[in-house]
N, C-alpha and C. Protein backbone atom coordinates (compact mmCIF):
# COMPACT_ATOMS: atom_id res chain seq x y z
N MET A 1 -21.08 16.12 12.12
CA MET A 1 -20.99 17.64 12.08
C MET A 1 -22.86 18.23 11.40
N VAL A 2 -23.17 19.49 12.17
CA VAL A 2 -24.19 20.61 11.15
C VAL A 2 -24.10 21.32 10.84
N ALA A 3 -24.59 22.08 9.92
CA ALA A 3 -24.62 23.26 8.84
C ALA A 3 -25.42 24.74 9.62
N LEU A 4 -25.07 25.48 9.92
CA LEU A 4 -24.89 26.54 10.34
C LEU A 4 -26.03 28.00 9.60
N ALA A 5 -26.27 28.41 9.77
CA ALA A 5 -27.19 29.32 9.31
C ALA A 5 -25.82 30.43 8.89
N GLY A 6 -26.31 30.53 7.23
CA GLY A 6 -25.14 32.15 6.73
C GLY A 6 -23.96 30.77 6.82
N GLN A 7 -24.35 29.55 6.61
CA GLN A 7 -22.83 29.02 6.38
C GLN A 7 -22.52 28.53 4.80
N LYS A 8 -21.27 28.62 4.23
CA LYS A 8 -21.00 28.64 2.41
C LYS A 8 -21.33 27.04 2.31
N VAL A 9 -21.73 26.41 1.70
CA VAL A 9 -22.36 24.70 1.18
C VAL A 9 -21.45 24.33 0.46
N THR A 10 -21.10 23.65 1.04
CA THR A 10 -19.57 22.92 -0.36
C THR A 10 -19.71 21.50 0.15
N ALA A 11 -18.35 21.02 -1.29
CA ALA A 11 -19.34 19.51 -1.06
C ALA A 11 -18.71 18.41 0.27
N SER A 12 -17.20 18.97 1.62
CA SER A 12 -17.32 18.13 1.45
C SER A 12 -18.16 18.44 3.24
N LEU A 13 -18.99 20.27 3.05
CA LEU A 13 -19.67 19.50 4.27
C LEU A 13 -21.39 18.96 4.23
N LEU A 14 -21.41 18.93 2.58
CA LEU A 14 -22.74 17.65 2.08
C LEU A 14 -22.67 16.60 2.81
N ASN A 15 -21.17 16.63 2.01
CA ASN A 15 -20.66 14.65 2.19
C ASN A 15 -20.72 14.27 3.63
N SER A 16 -20.85 15.04 4.80
CA SER A 16 -20.37 14.84 6.83
C SER A 16 -21.44 15.31 6.16
N LEU A 17 -22.74 15.44 6.06
CA LEU A 17 -23.72 15.52 6.20
C LEU A 17 -25.15 14.29 5.72
N ALA A 18 -23.93 13.72 5.02
CA ALA A 18 -25.33 12.69 4.04
C ALA A 18 -25.52 10.97 5.57
N PRO A 19 -26.18 10.42 4.49
CA PRO A 19 -26.65 9.41 6.17
C PRO A 19 -25.42 8.48 5.30
N THR A 20 -24.97 7.45 6.12
CA THR A 20 -23.49 7.11 5.76
C THR A 20 -24.35 5.50 5.40
N GLY A 21 -25.83 5.16 5.87
CA GLY A 21 -25.96 3.87 5.87
C GLY A 21 -26.60 3.23 6.54
N GLU A 22 -26.81 2.10 6.62
CA GLU A 22 -27.30 0.77 7.64
C GLU A 22 -27.41 -0.05 7.35
N THR A 23 -27.39 -0.83 8.34
CA THR A 23 -26.49 -2.46 8.71
C THR A 23 -27.62 -3.69 8.17
N THR A 24 -26.84 -4.27 6.30
CA THR A 24 -28.56 -4.84 6.10
C THR A 24 -27.24 -5.93 6.30
N SER A 25 -28.12 -6.96 6.33
CA SER A 25 -27.50 -8.36 5.79
C SER A 25 -28.32 -9.27 4.75
N GLY A 26 -27.03 -10.99 4.64
CA GLY A 26 -27.94 -11.73 3.54
C GLY A 26 -27.61 -12.61 5.03
N VAL A 27 -29.06 -13.70 4.39
CA VAL A 27 -29.06 -14.66 5.26
C VAL A 27 -29.77 -16.09 4.59
N ASN A 28 -28.96 -16.91 4.57
CA ASN A 28 -29.30 -18.47 4.30
C ASN A 28 -29.52 -19.77 5.40
N THR A 29 -30.27 -20.17 6.08
CA THR A 29 -30.17 -21.61 6.82
C THR A 29 -30.53 -22.47 6.94
N THR A 30 -30.32 -22.46 5.28
CA THR A 30 -30.39 -24.63 4.79
C THR A 30 -29.12 -24.45 4.16
N ALA A 31 -28.65 -25.83 4.69
CA ALA A 31 -27.71 -26.01 4.53
C ALA A 31 -26.82 -27.00 3.06
N GLY A 32 -25.41 -26.42 3.36
CA GLY A 32 -25.40 -26.71 2.17
C GLY A 32 -23.53 -27.51 1.64
N THR A 33 -23.15 -28.16 0.90
CA THR A 33 -21.36 -29.16 0.64
C THR A 33 -21.09 -28.41 -0.60
N THR A 34 -19.65 -28.54 0.14
CA THR A 34 -18.97 -29.15 -1.62
C THR A 34 -17.69 -29.74 -0.52
N THR A 35 -16.35 -29.80 -2.04
CA THR A 35 -15.30 -30.37 -2.16
C THR A 35 -14.57 -29.27 -2.78
N SER A 36 -14.83 -28.26 -2.63
CA SER A 36 -14.00 -27.35 -3.78
C SER A 36 -12.78 -26.49 -2.73
N THR A 37 -12.14 -27.34 -3.30
CA THR A 37 -9.80 -25.60 -2.76
C THR A 37 -10.04 -25.01 -3.06
N GLY A 38 -10.88 -24.99 -3.56
CA GLY A 38 -10.65 -23.07 -3.99
C GLY A 38 -12.00 -23.01 -4.02
N TYR A 39 -12.15 -21.52 -3.80
CA TYR A 39 -12.96 -20.47 -3.46
C TYR A 39 -14.38 -20.60 -3.81
N THR A 40 -15.36 -20.70 -3.73
CA THR A 40 -16.35 -20.45 -4.75
C THR A 40 -17.51 -20.79 -3.83
N ASP A 41 -18.56 -19.68 -4.71
CA ASP A 41 -19.75 -19.41 -4.09
C ASP A 41 -21.06 -20.43 -4.22
N THR A 42 -21.26 -21.74 -4.62
CA THR A 42 -21.78 -22.58 -5.14
C THR A 42 -21.70 -24.29 -3.68
N LEU A 43 -22.50 -24.34 -2.96
CA LEU A 43 -22.90 -24.87 -2.78
C LEU A 43 -23.66 -25.92 -3.16
N THR A 44 -23.37 -27.76 -2.76
CA THR A 44 -25.13 -28.43 -3.72
C THR A 44 -26.26 -27.85 -2.22
N SER A 45 -27.55 -28.25 -2.66
CA SER A 45 -28.95 -27.83 -1.85
C SER A 45 -28.88 -26.41 -1.55
N SER A 46 -27.96 -26.16 -1.63
CA SER A 46 -28.07 -23.90 -0.91
C SER A 46 -28.47 -23.06 -2.02
N SER A 47 -27.96 -22.40 -2.00
CA SER A 47 -28.61 -21.07 -1.91
C SER A 47 -27.37 -20.04 -2.04
N THR A 48 -26.86 -19.16 -2.56
CA THR A 48 -25.54 -17.75 -2.55
C THR A 48 -26.01 -17.19 -1.35
N VAL A 49 -25.58 -16.89 -0.82
CA VAL A 49 -25.71 -16.02 0.48
C VAL A 49 -24.39 -14.74 -0.23
N SER A 50 -25.31 -13.32 0.01
CA SER A 50 -25.18 -12.22 -0.48
C SER A 50 -25.86 -10.69 -0.06
N VAL A 51 -25.59 -9.54 -0.70
CA VAL A 51 -26.34 -8.60 0.46
C VAL A 51 -25.48 -7.59 -0.65
N ALA A 52 -26.84 -6.49 -0.75
CA ALA A 52 -25.53 -5.45 -1.47
C ALA A 52 -26.07 -4.07 -0.76
N PHE A 53 -25.04 -3.59 -0.74
CA PHE A 53 -24.77 -2.29 -0.04
C PHE A 53 -23.83 -0.61 -0.93
N ILE A 54 -23.78 0.11 -0.26
CA ILE A 54 -23.91 1.45 -1.45
C ILE A 54 -22.65 1.84 -0.65
N ALA A 55 -21.37 2.19 -0.53
CA ALA A 55 -19.81 2.68 -0.08
C ALA A 55 -20.31 3.92 0.28
N PRO A 56 -20.17 4.17 1.69
CA PRO A 56 -20.56 5.47 2.29
C PRO A 56 -19.62 6.00 2.22
N PRO A 57 -19.91 7.73 2.65
CA PRO A 57 -18.70 8.38 2.07
C PRO A 57 -17.25 8.40 2.38
N SER A 58 -16.91 7.77 3.51
CA SER A 58 -15.30 7.42 3.62
C SER A 58 -14.95 6.21 3.22
N GLY A 59 -15.71 5.52 2.33
CA GLY A 59 -14.89 4.77 1.19
C GLY A 59 -15.08 3.08 2.06
N LYS A 60 -15.45 2.79 3.50
CA LYS A 60 -14.86 1.78 4.42
C LYS A 60 -16.89 1.73 4.83
N ILE A 61 -16.22 -0.16 4.67
CA ILE A 61 -17.10 -0.84 5.41
C ILE A 61 -16.67 -2.19 6.41
N ALA A 62 -17.05 -2.15 7.32
CA ALA A 62 -16.92 -3.18 8.16
C ALA A 62 -17.41 -4.91 7.85
N VAL A 63 -17.59 -5.87 7.33
CA VAL A 63 -17.75 -6.91 6.55
C VAL A 63 -18.01 -8.43 7.51
N THR A 64 -19.35 -8.28 7.94
CA THR A 64 -18.75 -9.49 9.31
C THR A 64 -19.33 -10.39 8.52
N ILE A 65 -18.60 -12.42 8.87
CA ILE A 65 -19.56 -13.30 7.76
C ILE A 65 -19.79 -14.53 9.79
N CYS A 66 -20.57 -15.50 9.55
CA CYS A 66 -20.21 -16.48 10.56
C CYS A 66 -21.45 -17.21 9.79
N GLY A 67 -20.69 -18.72 10.23
CA GLY A 67 -22.36 -19.48 10.05
C GLY A 67 -21.31 -21.20 10.67
N ALA A 68 -22.98 -21.11 10.92
CA ALA A 68 -22.30 -23.25 11.08
C ALA A 68 -21.64 -23.97 10.44
N VAL A 69 -20.30 -24.38 10.53
CA VAL A 69 -19.90 -25.24 9.12
C VAL A 69 -19.32 -26.10 10.12
N ASP A 70 -18.76 -28.09 9.64
CA ASP A 70 -17.88 -28.78 9.91
C ASP A 70 -17.62 -29.60 8.56
N ASN A 71 -16.83 -30.73 8.73
CA ASN A 71 -16.33 -31.79 7.20
C ASN A 71 -16.20 -33.09 7.68
N GLY A 72 -15.95 -33.01 6.56
CA GLY A 72 -16.15 -34.86 7.06
C GLY A 72 -15.19 -36.17 7.37
N GLY A 73 -14.54 -34.98 7.13
CA GLY A 73 -12.90 -35.86 7.50
C GLY A 73 -12.27 -34.87 8.44
N ASP A 74 -10.91 -35.16 8.69
CA ASP A 74 -9.78 -34.20 9.88
C ASP A 74 -9.41 -32.71 9.05
N ASN A 75 -10.34 -31.79 8.12
CA ASN A 75 -10.08 -30.58 7.30
C ASN A 75 -10.35 -29.44 7.67
N TYR A 76 -9.98 -28.75 6.87
CA TYR A 76 -11.02 -27.14 7.50
C TYR A 76 -11.88 -27.26 6.09
N SER A 77 -13.07 -26.57 6.92
CA SER A 77 -14.11 -25.51 6.17
C SER A 77 -13.70 -24.64 5.87
N VAL A 78 -13.65 -23.65 5.01
CA VAL A 78 -14.11 -21.90 5.19
C VAL A 78 -14.22 -21.38 5.01
N ILE A 79 -14.39 -20.49 5.30
CA ILE A 79 -15.57 -19.61 4.83
C ILE A 79 -15.10 -18.23 4.60
N SER A 80 -15.04 -17.19 3.48
CA SER A 80 -14.11 -15.58 2.81
C SER A 80 -15.90 -14.55 2.34
N TYR A 81 -15.15 -13.87 2.11
CA TYR A 81 -16.39 -13.60 1.18
C TYR A 81 -15.12 -12.69 -0.18
N ARG A 82 -16.32 -11.85 -0.87
CA ARG A 82 -15.53 -11.35 -2.71
C ARG A 82 -16.98 -10.45 -2.22
N LEU A 83 -16.06 -9.01 -3.39
CA LEU A 83 -16.70 -7.47 -2.93
C LEU A 83 -16.63 -7.99 -4.42
N SER A 84 -18.52 -6.83 -5.44
CA SER A 84 -18.43 -6.97 -7.02
C SER A 84 -18.88 -5.34 -7.19
N GLY A 85 -18.82 -4.88 -8.31
CA GLY A 85 -19.49 -4.13 -8.43
C GLY A 85 -19.24 -2.55 -8.28
N ALA A 86 -19.70 -1.33 -9.02
CA ALA A 86 -19.14 -0.39 -8.84
C ALA A 86 -17.90 0.40 -8.04
N ALA A 87 -18.65 -0.05 -6.42
CA ALA A 87 -17.64 0.26 -5.09
C ALA A 87 -16.57 -0.63 -5.48
N GLY A 88 -15.88 -1.45 -5.88
CA GLY A 88 -14.84 -2.05 -6.11
C GLY A 88 -15.23 -3.44 -6.11
N THR A 89 -14.12 -4.39 -6.73
CA THR A 89 -13.20 -5.67 -7.00
C THR A 89 -12.58 -5.61 -5.71
N VAL A 90 -13.10 -6.70 -5.18
CA VAL A 90 -12.42 -7.50 -3.92
C VAL A 90 -12.23 -9.19 -4.77
N ALA A 91 -11.78 -9.57 -4.60
CA ALA A 91 -11.52 -11.13 -4.26
C ALA A 91 -11.35 -11.93 -2.87
N ALA A 92 -12.24 -13.16 -3.37
CA ALA A 92 -12.16 -13.76 -1.40
C ALA A 92 -10.79 -14.33 -1.27
N SER A 93 -10.61 -13.77 -0.23
CA SER A 93 -9.53 -14.07 0.27
C SER A 93 -9.07 -15.42 1.86
N ASP A 94 -7.64 -15.54 2.38
CA ASP A 94 -7.39 -16.16 2.84
C ASP A 94 -7.49 -14.83 4.32
N ASN A 95 -6.81 -14.58 3.81
CA ASN A 95 -6.87 -12.80 4.83
C ASN A 95 -7.90 -12.55 5.74
N TRP A 96 -9.54 -12.84 4.85
CA TRP A 96 -10.68 -12.65 5.92
C TRP A 96 -11.41 -13.99 6.53
N GLN A 97 -10.36 -14.66 5.86
CA GLN A 97 -10.85 -15.86 6.67
C GLN A 97 -11.82 -16.21 7.68
N VAL A 98 -12.34 -17.03 7.49
CA VAL A 98 -12.63 -18.04 9.33
C VAL A 98 -13.08 -19.63 8.81
N TYR A 99 -12.90 -20.29 9.39
CA TYR A 99 -12.20 -21.89 9.19
C TYR A 99 -12.84 -22.53 10.99
N PHE A 100 -12.65 -23.73 10.17
CA PHE A 100 -13.22 -24.53 11.58
C PHE A 100 -13.12 -25.97 11.10
N ARG A 101 -12.09 -27.02 12.08
CA ARG A 101 -12.10 -27.88 11.34
C ARG A 101 -12.01 -29.38 12.42
N ASN A 102 -13.18 -29.70 12.10
CA ASN A 102 -13.84 -31.03 12.86
C ASN A 102 -14.84 -31.50 12.59
N THR A 103 -15.44 -32.73 12.67
CA THR A 103 -17.13 -33.54 12.64
C THR A 103 -18.16 -33.04 13.10
N ASN A 104 -17.55 -32.48 13.86
CA ASN A 104 -18.97 -31.96 14.71
C ASN A 104 -18.07 -30.55 14.69
N GLU A 105 -19.87 -30.03 14.37
CA GLU A 105 -20.13 -28.30 13.76
C GLU A 105 -19.85 -28.02 14.90
N GLY A 106 -19.46 -26.74 13.63
CA GLY A 106 -18.46 -25.43 15.00
C GLY A 106 -19.36 -24.06 14.10
N VAL A 107 -19.81 -23.39 14.77
CA VAL A 107 -19.93 -22.08 14.52
C VAL A 107 -18.73 -21.11 14.74
N VAL A 108 -18.89 -19.98 13.50
CA VAL A 108 -16.91 -19.37 13.26
C VAL A 108 -18.20 -18.17 12.70
N SER A 109 -16.66 -16.75 13.01
CA SER A 109 -17.43 -15.44 12.58
C SER A 109 -15.84 -14.61 12.91
N ARG A 110 -16.43 -13.56 12.08
CA ARG A 110 -15.50 -12.91 11.45
C ARG A 110 -15.41 -11.07 11.10
N THR A 111 -15.24 -10.36 11.88
CA THR A 111 -15.32 -8.66 11.38
C THR A 111 -14.03 -8.02 10.68
N THR A 112 -14.33 -7.52 9.38
CA THR A 112 -13.16 -7.47 8.53
C THR A 112 -13.53 -6.37 8.11
N TYR A 113 -12.44 -5.53 7.91
CA TYR A 113 -13.23 -3.66 7.19
C TYR A 113 -12.07 -4.24 5.69
N GLN A 114 -13.18 -3.45 4.87
CA GLN A 114 -13.14 -2.84 3.56
C GLN A 114 -12.11 -1.39 3.37
N THR A 115 -11.88 -1.02 2.51
CA THR A 115 -11.57 0.14 2.79
C THR A 115 -11.25 1.19 0.81
N GLY A 116 -11.06 2.05 0.74
CA GLY A 116 -11.00 2.50 -0.86
C GLY A 116 -11.57 2.00 -1.37
N LEU A 117 -12.55 1.67 -1.07
CA LEU A 117 -14.51 2.16 -1.72
C LEU A 117 -14.38 3.15 -2.49
N THR A 118 -15.66 3.34 -3.15
CA THR A 118 -16.01 4.25 -4.62
C THR A 118 -17.42 4.25 -4.06
N PRO A 119 -17.13 5.62 -3.04
CA PRO A 119 -18.37 6.48 -2.20
C PRO A 119 -19.42 6.70 -3.15
N GLY A 120 -20.68 6.69 -2.28
CA GLY A 120 -22.25 6.65 -3.04
C GLY A 120 -22.10 4.77 -4.35
N ALA A 121 -21.22 4.89 -5.05
CA ALA A 121 -21.48 3.17 -5.53
C ALA A 121 -21.67 2.51 -5.04
N ALA A 122 -23.03 1.28 -6.15
CA ALA A 122 -23.13 0.01 -5.53
C ALA A 122 -22.46 -1.25 -5.46
N GLY A 123 -22.15 -1.86 -4.71
CA GLY A 123 -21.72 -3.17 -4.78
C GLY A 123 -22.51 -4.36 -4.36
N THR A 124 -21.38 -5.61 -4.26
CA THR A 124 -22.68 -6.90 -3.50
C THR A 124 -20.96 -7.99 -3.08
N ILE A 125 -21.51 -8.13 -1.84
CA ILE A 125 -21.08 -8.83 -0.55
C ILE A 125 -20.87 -10.20 -0.79
N THR A 126 -20.25 -11.06 -1.50
CA THR A 126 -21.05 -12.66 -1.80
C THR A 126 -20.29 -13.83 -0.32
N MET A 127 -21.02 -14.64 -0.23
CA MET A 127 -19.83 -15.68 0.49
C MET A 127 -19.32 -16.12 -0.19
N GLN A 128 -18.31 -16.26 -0.24
CA GLN A 128 -16.98 -17.91 -0.84
C GLN A 128 -16.97 -18.78 0.46
N HIS A 129 -16.87 -19.85 -0.21
CA HIS A 129 -16.76 -21.26 0.55
C HIS A 129 -15.18 -22.71 0.18
N LYS A 130 -14.57 -23.13 0.12
CA LYS A 130 -13.67 -23.79 0.70
C LYS A 130 -13.81 -25.14 1.98
N VAL A 131 -12.26 -25.66 0.86
CA VAL A 131 -12.12 -26.76 2.04
C VAL A 131 -10.74 -27.36 1.20
N SER A 132 -10.34 -27.66 2.60
CA SER A 132 -8.79 -28.02 2.82
C SER A 132 -8.62 -29.31 2.69
N GLY A 133 -10.26 -30.37 2.03
CA GLY A 133 -9.84 -31.28 1.71
C GLY A 133 -11.26 -32.08 2.46
N GLY A 134 -11.32 -33.31 1.95
CA GLY A 134 -13.29 -33.64 2.50
C GLY A 134 -14.62 -33.51 1.30
N THR A 135 -15.74 -33.06 2.91
CA THR A 135 -16.73 -32.57 2.34
C THR A 135 -17.02 -31.40 3.32
N GLY A 136 -17.12 -30.53 3.12
CA GLY A 136 -17.58 -29.47 4.10
C GLY A 136 -19.41 -28.78 3.55
N THR A 137 -19.74 -28.82 4.88
CA THR A 137 -20.93 -29.04 5.16
C THR A 137 -20.98 -27.38 5.87
N PHE A 138 -21.56 -26.44 5.20
CA PHE A 138 -22.05 -25.08 5.30
C PHE A 138 -23.51 -24.77 6.31
N ASN A 139 -23.87 -24.56 6.59
CA ASN A 139 -24.92 -23.75 7.71
C ASN A 139 -25.22 -22.28 8.27
N HIS A 140 -26.66 -22.25 8.19
CA HIS A 140 -26.22 -20.87 8.55
C HIS A 140 -25.44 -19.46 8.50
N ARG A 141 -25.69 -19.87 6.85
CA ARG A 141 -25.13 -17.96 7.33
C ARG A 141 -25.58 -17.34 6.73
N GLU A 142 -24.33 -16.50 7.03
CA GLU A 142 -24.95 -14.72 6.90
C GLU A 142 -24.22 -14.01 7.01
N ILE A 143 -24.30 -12.49 6.01
CA ILE A 143 -23.03 -11.49 6.17
C ILE A 143 -23.84 -10.66 6.07
N LEU A 144 -23.12 -9.32 7.48
CA LEU A 144 -23.69 -8.85 7.95
C LEU A 144 -22.39 -7.00 6.96
N TRP A 145 -23.31 -6.54 6.60
CA TRP A 145 -21.76 -5.21 6.13
C TRP A 145 -22.36 -3.60 6.98
N ARG A 146 -21.46 -2.93 7.56
CA ARG A 146 -21.75 -1.50 7.70
C ARG A 146 -20.54 -0.29 7.86
N PRO A 147 -21.35 0.09 7.52
CA PRO A 147 -20.73 1.55 6.80
C PRO A 147 -19.76 1.82 8.60
N VAL A 148 -18.59 2.36 7.76
CA VAL A 148 -17.45 3.00 9.27
C VAL A 148 -17.05 4.32 8.56
N ALA A 149 -17.25 5.22 8.90
CA ALA A 149 -16.61 6.02 9.90
C ALA A 149 -15.30 6.40 9.27
N ALA A 150 -15.02 7.96 8.60
CA ALA A 150 -13.44 8.36 8.31
C ALA A 150 -12.63 8.14 9.83
């Protein structure tokens, strides 16, 4: 939308003209492992992957998680994410997970949408990991987010 000369300025008009943010990412290329069967951001030998964001006027963002994963046994290694901060809190969930079941490394990626966030508020997206059994190895992990228009 474009503001026109003589047009009444309203909150709705200003919100429609506000920048919606840009895609940013958090990356970690150091491999880490876990034997946790519940979601955790802690891996041995590696740091947490997270990225900060400001919720756009629509309150909707797209989140992409990806990584190279494997498991020491015939079990699943799973990646998900959680949201925290003033923009909103969302627990890690199997609803937006990606997983791989093999002893050979595989690359997984998925984009999901989060809605109902508080426009203009700050938040953090943090990657979460778990396994169905065995030891999962997680490498070359990345979180990307981008604003989504209403």
